[in-house]
C-alpha atoms as a PDB file:
ATOM      1  CA  MET A   1      -5.821 -10.951  11.570  1.00  0.00           C
ATOM      2  CA  SER A   2      -4.126 -13.908   9.914  1.00  0.00           C
ATOM      3  CA  GLU A   3      -5.418 -13.023   6.508  1.00  0.00           C
ATOM      4  CA  PHE A   4      -5.681  -9.729   4.637  1.00  0.00           C
ATOM      5  CA  LYS A   5      -8.823  -7.743   4.130  1.00  0.00           C
ATOM      6  CA  ARG A   6      -9.900  -5.935   0.977  1.00  0.00           C
ATOM      7  CA  ILE A   7     -10.952  -2.281   1.636  1.00  0.00           C
ATOM      8  CA  PRO A   8     -12.267   0.548  -0.440  1.00  0.00           C
ATOM      9  CA  PRO A   9     -10.453   3.931  -0.621  1.00  0.00           C
ATOM     10  CA  VAL A  10     -12.599   5.541   2.003  1.00  0.00           C
ATOM     11  CA  GLU A  11     -11.541   2.975   4.649  1.00  0.00           C
ATOM     12  CA  ALA A  12      -8.001   3.192   3.463  1.00  0.00           C
ATOM     13  CA  LEU A  13      -8.023   7.052   3.909  1.00  0.00           C
ATOM     14  CA  ALA A  14      -9.258   6.469   7.527  1.00  0.00           C
ATOM     15  CA  LEU A  15      -6.480   4.006   8.229  1.00  0.00           C
ATOM     16  CA  ARG A  16      -3.993   6.430   6.665  1.00  0.00           C
ATOM     17  CA  GLU A  17      -5.137   9.190   8.989  1.00  0.00           C
ATOM     18  CA  GLN A  18      -4.524   6.850  11.872  1.00  0.00           C
ATOM     19  CA  GLY A  19      -0.930   6.172  10.781  1.00  0.00           C
ATOM     20  CA  ALA A  20      -1.258   3.022   8.609  1.00  0.00           C
ATOM     21  CA  VAL A  21       1.782   2.263   6.366  1.00  0.00           C
ATOM     22  CA  PHE A  22       0.929   2.271   2.629  1.00  0.00           C
ATOM     23  CA  VAL A  23       3.219   0.109   0.436  1.00  0.00           C
ATOM     24  CA  ASP A  24       3.089   0.504  -3.338  1.00  0.00           C
ATOM     25  CA  ILE A  25       4.245  -2.578  -5.230  1.00  0.00           C
ATOM     26  CA  ARG A  26       3.882  -1.178  -8.693  1.00  0.00           C
ATOM     27  CA  ASP A  27       7.088  -0.972 -10.883  1.00  0.00           C
ATOM     28  CA  PRO A  28       9.733   1.701  -9.789  1.00  0.00           C
ATOM     29  CA  ALA A  29       9.166   4.012 -12.752  1.00  0.00           C
ATOM     30  CA  THR A  30       5.444   4.170 -12.296  1.00  0.00           C
ATOM     31  CA  TYR A  31       5.754   4.716  -8.565  1.00  0.00           C
ATOM     32  CA  ALA A  32       8.250   7.396  -9.184  1.00  0.00           C
ATOM     33  CA  ALA A  33       5.935   9.192 -11.582  1.00  0.00           C
ATOM     34  CA  SER A  34       2.904   9.197  -9.287  1.00  0.00           C
ATOM     35  CA  HIS A  35       1.957   7.506  -6.056  1.00  0.00           C
ATOM     36  CA  ILE A  36      -0.142   7.878  -2.881  1.00  0.00           C
ATOM     37  CA  ASP A  37       1.513  10.640  -0.822  1.00  0.00           C
ATOM     38  CA  GLY A  38       3.661   8.979   1.881  1.00  0.00           C
ATOM     39  CA  ALA A  39       3.450   5.518   0.422  1.00  0.00           C
ATOM     40  CA  ARG A  40       6.596   3.432   0.503  1.00  0.00           C
ATOM     41  CA  HIS A  41       7.754   1.601  -2.623  1.00  0.00           C
ATOM     42  CA  LEU A  42       8.327  -2.151  -2.177  1.00  0.00           C
ATOM     43  CA  ASP A  43       9.928  -4.537  -4.585  1.00  0.00           C
ATOM     44  CA  ASN A  44      11.986  -7.732  -4.384  1.00  0.00           C
ATOM     45  CA  HIS A  45      14.957  -5.837  -3.287  1.00  0.00           C
ATOM     46  CA  SER A  46      13.434  -3.859  -0.445  1.00  0.00           C
ATOM     47  CA  LEU A  47      10.977  -6.363   0.819  1.00  0.00           C
ATOM     48  CA  HIS A  48      13.221  -8.254   3.262  1.00  0.00           C
ATOM     49  CA  ASP A  49      14.411  -4.953   4.815  1.00  0.00           C
ATOM     50  CA  PHE A  50      10.847  -3.797   5.170  1.00  0.00           C
ATOM     51  CA  ILE A  51       9.703  -6.935   6.837  1.00  0.00           C
ATOM     52  CA  THR A  52      12.610  -7.011   9.313  1.00  0.00           C
ATOM     53  CA  ARG A  53      12.329  -3.380  10.362  1.00  0.00           C
ATOM     54  CA  ALA A  54       8.439  -3.046  10.297  1.00  0.00           C
ATOM     55  CA  ASP A  55       6.204  -2.971  13.290  1.00  0.00           C
ATOM     56  CA  LEU A  56       4.216  -6.144  12.592  1.00  0.00           C
ATOM     57  CA  ASP A  57       1.190  -4.721  14.535  1.00  0.00           C
ATOM     58  CA  ALA A  58       0.896  -1.575  12.490  1.00  0.00           C
ATOM     59  CA  PRO A  59      -1.730  -1.563   9.799  1.00  0.00           C
ATOM     60  CA  VAL A  60      -0.310  -2.082   6.313  1.00  0.00           C
ATOM     61  CA  VAL A  61      -2.275  -1.196   3.081  1.00  0.00           C
ATOM     62  CA  VAL A  62      -0.953  -2.756  -0.123  1.00  0.00           C
ATOM     63  CA  VAL A  63      -1.444  -0.809  -3.304  1.00  0.00           C
ATOM     64  CA  ARG A  64      -0.981  -1.818  -6.996  1.00  0.00           C
ATOM     65  CA  TYR A  65      -2.570  -0.605 -10.208  1.00  0.00           C
ATOM     66  CA  HIS A  66      -6.181  -1.749  -9.914  1.00  0.00           C
ATOM     67  CA  GLY A  67      -6.279  -3.805  -6.661  1.00  0.00           C
ATOM     68  CA  ASN A  68      -6.078  -7.333  -8.075  1.00  0.00           C
ATOM     69  CA  SER A  69      -2.361  -8.097  -7.920  1.00  0.00           C
ATOM     70  CA  SER A  70      -2.063  -6.421  -4.446  1.00  0.00           C
ATOM     71  CA  GLN A  71      -4.064  -9.284  -2.968  1.00  0.00           C
ATOM     72  CA  GLY A  72      -1.132 -11.756  -3.465  1.00  0.00           C
ATOM     73  CA  ALA A  73       1.308  -9.348  -1.799  1.00  0.00           C
ATOM     74  CA  ALA A  74      -1.066  -8.669   1.024  1.00  0.00           C
ATOM     75  CA  ALA A  75      -1.505 -12.416   1.658  1.00  0.00           C
ATOM     76  CA  TYR A  76       2.225 -12.732   1.687  1.00  0.00           C
ATOM     77  CA  LEU A  77       2.697 -10.068   4.259  1.00  0.00           C
ATOM     78  CA  ALA A  78      -0.066 -11.510   6.430  1.00  0.00           C
ATOM     79  CA  GLY A  79       1.861 -14.850   6.177  1.00  0.00           C
ATOM     80  CA  GLN A  80       5.068 -13.106   7.295  1.00  0.00           C
ATOM     81  CA  GLY A  81       3.423 -12.093  10.698  1.00  0.00           C
ATOM     82  CA  PHE A  82       1.813  -8.727   9.978  1.00  0.00           C
ATOM     83  CA  SER A  83      -1.316  -8.617  12.064  1.00  0.00           C
ATOM     84  CA  GLU A  84      -3.330  -6.038  10.126  1.00  0.00           C
ATOM     85  CA  VAL A  85      -2.937  -6.216   6.324  1.00  0.00           C
ATOM     86  CA  TYR A  86      -5.261  -4.675   3.706  1.00  0.00           C
ATOM     87  CA  SER A  87      -5.410  -4.630  -0.083  1.00  0.00           C
ATOM     88  CA  LEU A  88      -6.719  -1.428  -1.588  1.00  0.00           C
ATOM     89  CA  ASP A  89      -9.779  -2.238  -3.765  1.00  0.00           C
ATOM     90  CA  GLY A  90      -9.530  -0.358  -7.088  1.00  0.00           C
ATOM     91  CA  GLY A  91      -5.793   0.191  -6.479  1.00  0.00           C
ATOM     92  CA  PHE A  92      -3.912   3.334  -7.138  1.00  0.00           C
ATOM     93  CA  GLU A  93      -6.115   4.280 -10.094  1.00  0.00           C
ATOM     94  CA  LEU A  94      -9.326   4.436  -7.999  1.00  0.00           C
ATOM     95  CA  TRP A  95      -7.435   6.181  -5.213  1.00  0.00           C
ATOM     96  CA  ARG A  96      -6.033   8.732  -7.666  1.00  0.00           C
ATOM     97  CA  SER A  97      -9.523   9.562  -9.054  1.00  0.00           C
ATOM     98  CA  THR A  98     -11.138   9.558  -5.514  1.00  0.00           C
ATOM     99  CA  TYR A  99      -8.418  11.467  -3.626  1.00  0.00           C
ATOM    100  CA  PRO A 100      -6.316  13.435  -6.157  1.00  0.00           C
ATOM    101  CA  GLU A 101      -5.108  15.775  -3.443  1.00  0.00           C
ATOM    102  CA  CYS A 102      -3.404  12.808  -1.749  1.00  0.00           C
ATOM    103  CA  VAL A 103      -1.279  11.945  -4.707  1.00  0.00           C
ATOM    104  CA  ALA A 104       2.346  12.778  -5.104  1.00  0.00           C
ATOM    105  CA  SER A 105       4.057  13.140  -8.464  1.00  0.00           C
ATOM    106  CA  ALA A 106       7.653  13.450  -9.587  1.00  0.00           C
ATOM    107  CA  VAL A 107       7.034  17.087 -10.431  1.00  0.00           C
ATOM    108  CA  GLU A 108       6.022  17.876  -6.811  1.00  0.00           C
ATOM    109  CA  GLU A 109       8.934  16.062  -5.149  1.00  0.00           C
END
């Protein structure tokens, strides 16, 4: 896959159950307050390290607020050699309303 694919939460959940890596690119405070359980926070400071250490063949699902901004990040990761990159349609907000049991918050951690 040289480009990314947009997927709905139900497909993302299936990928998650198969071991896909979820990366959340929202701002640090918002991520800290609530995020998809197991998602890794990525920003400009952690991106290089993530790319150099990642398995480029492992599925990666990019998450942002509503799914629009994550498309640019997903395209970037695909351009960096990741073979299976997805952008979560509806973003974190749709995920949270669809799968609230799969959301971690600062209170729980």
